[in-house]
Amino acid sequence: MLGMSRAVQDEKTVEFEFLRIERRADGIYYVAQPGGRPGVDFKLGSLRGQEAVFENAGHADHLKKIIYRKNSDGSLTARIEGEEKGQPFSQEWQYWPQPR
C-alpha cells in the first residue's frame, strides 16, 4: 500500500512524507519517508481489532511507535509516540471519511 501526506500552510506545502506498508519474509512493515528522505522501517508489533501498532524501538530518531485506530464513528486516529531529549511525547491526528 502506498500513501502520501502533506502539510499545507497559506496554500503552500510546508512538509510532506511518502508512506508505504509492505509484507516481507519476517513481517509487515510501515515505511516512512519524511521529506522524501530514505525510508525508516516500523515493524507491525500488534494488530488487535481495529488497531495496528508499528514499532521501531531502536530507531535513532525520536519516533518509536506509529499507531492507527479505526473508530466506531468511521473516523481514523493516527498517533505517534516517542522520546524527545529523554522525555516521552505523543501526537495524534483525527481523520474523517469525505462524502462521496
N, C-alpha and C. Protein backbone atom coordinates (compact mmCIF):
# COMPACT_ATOMS: atom_id res chain seq x y z
N MET A 1 0.85 -1.16 0.00
CA MET A 1 0.00 0.00 0.00
C MET A 1 0.91 1.23 0.00
N LEU A 2 0.58 2.20 -0.83
CA LEU A 2 1.35 3.43 -0.92
C LEU A 2 0.50 4.61 -0.46
N GLY A 3 1.15 5.60 0.12
CA GLY A 3 0.43 6.79 0.55
C GLY A 3 1.34 7.99 0.58
N MET A 4 0.75 9.13 0.78
CA MET A 4 1.49 10.38 0.86
C MET A 4 0.71 11.32 1.76
N SER A 5 1.42 12.06 2.57
CA SER A 5 0.77 13.09 3.36
C SER A 5 1.53 14.40 3.16
N ARG A 6 0.81 15.48 3.38
CA ARG A 6 1.46 16.79 3.27
C ARG A 6 0.77 17.76 4.21
N ALA A 7 1.54 18.72 4.65
CA ALA A 7 1.01 19.80 5.48
C ALA A 7 1.05 21.07 4.64
N VAL A 8 -0.08 21.78 4.64
CA VAL A 8 -0.22 22.98 3.83
C VAL A 8 -0.45 24.17 4.74
N GLN A 9 0.27 25.25 4.48
CA GLN A 9 0.11 26.50 5.23
C GLN A 9 0.11 27.63 4.22
N ASP A 10 -0.89 28.50 4.32
CA ASP A 10 -1.02 29.62 3.38
C ASP A 10 -0.95 29.13 1.93
N GLU A 11 -1.66 28.04 1.65
CA GLU A 11 -1.76 27.45 0.32
C GLU A 11 -0.43 26.95 -0.23
N LYS A 12 0.54 26.70 0.65
CA LYS A 12 1.85 26.20 0.23
C LYS A 12 2.19 24.95 1.04
N THR A 13 2.69 23.91 0.36
CA THR A 13 3.13 22.70 1.06
C THR A 13 4.38 23.03 1.86
N VAL A 14 4.32 22.80 3.18
CA VAL A 14 5.46 23.11 4.05
C VAL A 14 6.20 21.85 4.49
N GLU A 15 5.57 20.69 4.38
CA GLU A 15 6.25 19.42 4.63
C GLU A 15 5.45 18.31 3.97
N PHE A 16 6.15 17.21 3.67
CA PHE A 16 5.48 16.07 3.05
C PHE A 16 6.16 14.78 3.49
N GLU A 17 5.46 13.67 3.26
CA GLU A 17 6.00 12.37 3.63
C GLU A 17 5.42 11.32 2.70
N PHE A 18 6.29 10.44 2.21
CA PHE A 18 5.85 9.27 1.45
C PHE A 18 5.73 8.12 2.45
N LEU A 19 4.72 7.28 2.26
CA LEU A 19 4.46 6.17 3.18
C LEU A 19 4.18 4.90 2.39
N ARG A 20 4.51 3.77 2.96
CA ARG A 20 4.09 2.51 2.36
C ARG A 20 4.00 1.43 3.44
N ILE A 21 3.16 0.46 3.18
CA ILE A 21 3.06 -0.72 4.03
C ILE A 21 3.40 -1.89 3.13
N GLU A 22 4.36 -2.71 3.56
CA GLU A 22 4.81 -3.82 2.73
C GLU A 22 5.02 -5.09 3.53
N ARG A 23 4.76 -6.21 2.88
CA ARG A 23 5.00 -7.52 3.50
C ARG A 23 6.40 -7.98 3.13
N ARG A 24 7.11 -8.46 4.15
CA ARG A 24 8.44 -9.03 3.94
C ARG A 24 8.44 -10.42 4.55
N ALA A 25 9.52 -11.16 4.34
CA ALA A 25 9.61 -12.53 4.86
C ALA A 25 9.45 -12.57 6.38
N ASP A 26 9.91 -11.52 7.08
CA ASP A 26 9.87 -11.53 8.55
C ASP A 26 8.74 -10.69 9.13
N GLY A 27 7.79 -10.22 8.30
CA GLY A 27 6.66 -9.48 8.87
C GLY A 27 6.15 -8.39 7.94
N ILE A 28 5.28 -7.56 8.52
CA ILE A 28 4.69 -6.43 7.79
C ILE A 28 5.31 -5.15 8.32
N TYR A 29 5.67 -4.26 7.41
CA TYR A 29 6.36 -3.03 7.78
C TYR A 29 5.65 -1.80 7.25
N TYR A 30 5.65 -0.76 8.08
CA TYR A 30 5.26 0.59 7.71
C TYR A 30 6.57 1.32 7.45
N VAL A 31 6.73 1.88 6.27
CA VAL A 31 7.97 2.56 5.90
C VAL A 31 7.65 4.04 5.68
N ALA A 32 8.25 4.88 6.49
CA ALA A 32 8.03 6.33 6.42
C ALA A 32 9.23 7.00 5.77
N GLN A 33 8.95 7.95 4.87
CA GLN A 33 10.00 8.73 4.21
C GLN A 33 9.67 10.21 4.34
N PRO A 34 9.88 10.80 5.53
CA PRO A 34 9.58 12.23 5.69
C PRO A 34 10.49 13.08 4.81
N GLY A 35 9.87 14.01 4.12
CA GLY A 35 10.63 14.91 3.25
C GLY A 35 11.30 14.19 2.09
N GLY A 36 10.88 12.95 1.81
CA GLY A 36 11.47 12.18 0.73
C GLY A 36 12.81 11.55 1.08
N ARG A 37 13.22 11.64 2.35
CA ARG A 37 14.48 11.05 2.78
C ARG A 37 14.40 9.52 2.70
N PRO A 38 15.50 8.81 2.89
CA PRO A 38 15.45 7.35 2.87
C PRO A 38 14.44 6.83 3.90
N GLY A 39 13.83 5.68 3.59
CA GLY A 39 12.78 5.13 4.42
C GLY A 39 13.26 4.66 5.79
N VAL A 40 12.36 4.76 6.78
CA VAL A 40 12.59 4.25 8.12
C VAL A 40 11.53 3.18 8.37
N ASP A 41 11.95 2.00 8.78
CA ASP A 41 11.06 0.85 8.96
C ASP A 41 10.46 0.79 10.35
N PHE A 42 9.16 0.53 10.42
CA PHE A 42 8.45 0.27 11.67
C PHE A 42 7.70 -1.04 11.48
N LYS A 43 8.10 -2.07 12.21
CA LYS A 43 7.51 -3.40 12.06
C LYS A 43 6.17 -3.49 12.79
N LEU A 44 5.20 -4.18 12.17
CA LEU A 44 3.92 -4.39 12.82
C LEU A 44 4.14 -5.18 14.10
N GLY A 45 3.87 -4.55 15.24
CA GLY A 45 4.06 -5.19 16.54
C GLY A 45 2.80 -5.86 17.04
N SER A 46 1.65 -5.25 16.75
CA SER A 46 0.38 -5.85 17.16
C SER A 46 -0.73 -5.38 16.24
N LEU A 47 -1.71 -6.25 16.09
CA LEU A 47 -2.92 -5.96 15.32
C LEU A 47 -4.07 -6.53 16.13
N ARG A 48 -4.80 -5.64 16.80
CA ARG A 48 -5.90 -6.06 17.68
C ARG A 48 -7.15 -5.31 17.28
N GLY A 49 -8.16 -6.06 16.87
CA GLY A 49 -9.41 -5.43 16.49
C GLY A 49 -9.18 -4.42 15.39
N GLN A 50 -9.44 -3.16 15.67
CA GLN A 50 -9.34 -2.08 14.69
C GLN A 50 -8.08 -1.23 14.89
N GLU A 51 -7.07 -1.78 15.59
CA GLU A 51 -5.85 -1.01 15.87
C GLU A 51 -4.61 -1.76 15.42
N ALA A 52 -3.72 -1.03 14.73
CA ALA A 52 -2.43 -1.56 14.28
C ALA A 52 -1.32 -0.71 14.91
N VAL A 53 -0.33 -1.39 15.49
CA VAL A 53 0.79 -0.69 16.13
C VAL A 53 2.08 -1.13 15.42
N PHE A 54 2.78 -0.14 14.87
CA PHE A 54 4.06 -0.37 14.20
C PHE A 54 5.16 0.19 15.10
N GLU A 55 6.25 -0.58 15.28
CA GLU A 55 7.27 -0.19 16.25
C GLU A 55 8.69 -0.25 15.67
N ASN A 56 9.52 0.63 16.19
CA ASN A 56 10.95 0.63 15.89
C ASN A 56 11.64 1.22 17.12
N ALA A 57 11.73 0.41 18.16
CA ALA A 57 12.29 0.88 19.44
C ALA A 57 13.75 1.29 19.33
N GLY A 58 14.49 0.73 18.38
CA GLY A 58 15.90 1.05 18.24
C GLY A 58 16.18 2.18 17.27
N HIS A 59 15.14 2.83 16.78
CA HIS A 59 15.32 3.92 15.81
C HIS A 59 16.06 5.07 16.46
N ALA A 60 17.07 5.58 15.77
CA ALA A 60 17.90 6.66 16.31
C ALA A 60 17.12 7.96 16.45
N ASP A 61 16.10 8.16 15.63
CA ASP A 61 15.27 9.34 15.73
C ASP A 61 14.41 9.23 16.98
N HIS A 62 13.65 10.23 17.27
CA HIS A 62 12.82 10.25 18.47
C HIS A 62 11.55 9.42 18.35
N LEU A 63 11.16 9.06 17.15
CA LEU A 63 9.90 8.35 16.94
C LEU A 63 10.08 6.85 17.14
N LYS A 64 9.22 6.23 17.98
CA LYS A 64 9.33 4.81 18.30
C LYS A 64 8.11 4.01 17.87
N LYS A 65 6.91 4.62 17.86
CA LYS A 65 5.68 3.91 17.52
C LYS A 65 4.79 4.75 16.62
N ILE A 66 4.11 4.05 15.72
CA ILE A 66 3.07 4.66 14.88
C ILE A 66 1.83 3.79 15.07
N ILE A 67 0.73 4.40 15.47
CA ILE A 67 -0.48 3.66 15.80
C ILE A 67 -1.63 4.20 14.95
N TYR A 68 -2.37 3.28 14.32
CA TYR A 68 -3.57 3.63 13.58
C TYR A 68 -4.75 2.90 14.20
N ARG A 69 -5.86 3.61 14.41
CA ARG A 69 -7.05 3.00 15.00
C ARG A 69 -8.29 3.49 14.27
N LYS A 70 -9.08 2.54 13.79
CA LYS A 70 -10.37 2.89 13.18
C LYS A 70 -11.39 2.97 14.30
N ASN A 71 -12.09 4.09 14.38
CA ASN A 71 -13.04 4.34 15.46
C ASN A 71 -14.46 3.95 15.05
N SER A 72 -15.32 3.76 16.03
CA SER A 72 -16.69 3.31 15.77
C SER A 72 -17.50 4.32 14.95
N ASP A 73 -17.10 5.60 14.95
CA ASP A 73 -17.82 6.60 14.15
C ASP A 73 -17.31 6.68 12.70
N GLY A 74 -16.40 5.76 12.34
CA GLY A 74 -15.86 5.74 10.99
C GLY A 74 -14.60 6.57 10.81
N SER A 75 -14.22 7.33 11.83
CA SER A 75 -13.01 8.14 11.74
C SER A 75 -11.77 7.27 11.97
N LEU A 76 -10.62 7.85 11.68
CA LEU A 76 -9.35 7.17 11.86
C LEU A 76 -8.48 8.04 12.76
N THR A 77 -7.88 7.43 13.78
CA THR A 77 -6.92 8.13 14.63
C THR A 77 -5.52 7.64 14.28
N ALA A 78 -4.62 8.58 14.01
CA ALA A 78 -3.22 8.28 13.80
C ALA A 78 -2.46 8.89 14.97
N ARG A 79 -1.57 8.11 15.58
CA ARG A 79 -0.84 8.56 16.76
C ARG A 79 0.63 8.18 16.60
N ILE A 80 1.51 9.08 16.99
CA ILE A 80 2.92 8.76 17.06
C ILE A 80 3.36 8.90 18.52
N GLU A 81 4.31 8.06 18.90
CA GLU A 81 4.87 8.11 20.26
C GLU A 81 6.37 7.96 20.17
N GLY A 82 7.05 8.62 21.08
CA GLY A 82 8.50 8.53 21.09
C GLY A 82 9.10 9.25 22.28
N GLU A 83 10.33 9.69 22.08
CA GLU A 83 11.07 10.34 23.15
C GLU A 83 11.83 11.53 22.56
N GLU A 84 11.77 12.64 23.26
CA GLU A 84 12.46 13.86 22.83
C GLU A 84 13.27 14.36 24.01
N LYS A 85 14.60 14.36 23.87
CA LYS A 85 15.50 14.81 24.94
C LYS A 85 15.21 14.09 26.26
N GLY A 86 14.98 12.78 26.17
CA GLY A 86 14.76 11.96 27.36
C GLY A 86 13.34 12.00 27.90
N GLN A 87 12.46 12.76 27.28
CA GLN A 87 11.08 12.88 27.76
C GLN A 87 10.12 12.25 26.75
N PRO A 88 9.15 11.46 27.24
CA PRO A 88 8.18 10.87 26.32
C PRO A 88 7.29 11.94 25.68
N PHE A 89 6.87 11.69 24.45
CA PHE A 89 5.95 12.60 23.78
C PHE A 89 5.00 11.77 22.92
N SER A 90 3.89 12.38 22.55
CA SER A 90 2.95 11.77 21.61
C SER A 90 2.21 12.88 20.88
N GLN A 91 1.68 12.53 19.73
CA GLN A 91 0.88 13.47 18.95
C GLN A 91 -0.17 12.65 18.21
N GLU A 92 -1.40 13.19 18.12
CA GLU A 92 -2.50 12.50 17.46
C GLU A 92 -3.14 13.37 16.40
N TRP A 93 -3.68 12.69 15.38
CA TRP A 93 -4.45 13.33 14.33
C TRP A 93 -5.72 12.54 14.14
N GLN A 94 -6.81 13.22 13.82
CA GLN A 94 -8.10 12.59 13.54
C GLN A 94 -8.44 12.82 12.07
N TYR A 95 -8.90 11.78 11.43
CA TYR A 95 -9.32 11.86 10.03
C TYR A 95 -10.73 11.31 9.91
N TRP A 96 -11.55 11.99 9.09
CA TRP A 96 -12.93 11.55 8.87
C TRP A 96 -13.13 11.26 7.40
N PRO A 97 -13.98 10.28 7.09
CA PRO A 97 -14.27 10.00 5.68
C PRO A 97 -14.91 11.20 5.00
N GLN A 98 -14.56 11.42 3.76
CA GLN A 98 -15.13 12.51 2.99
C GLN A 98 -16.41 12.02 2.30
N PRO A 99 -17.42 12.85 2.21
CA PRO A 99 -18.63 12.43 1.49
C PRO A 99 -18.33 12.15 0.03
N ARG A 100 -19.00 11.17 -0.51
CA ARG A 100 -18.77 10.83 -1.93
C ARG A 100 -19.67 11.61 -2.83
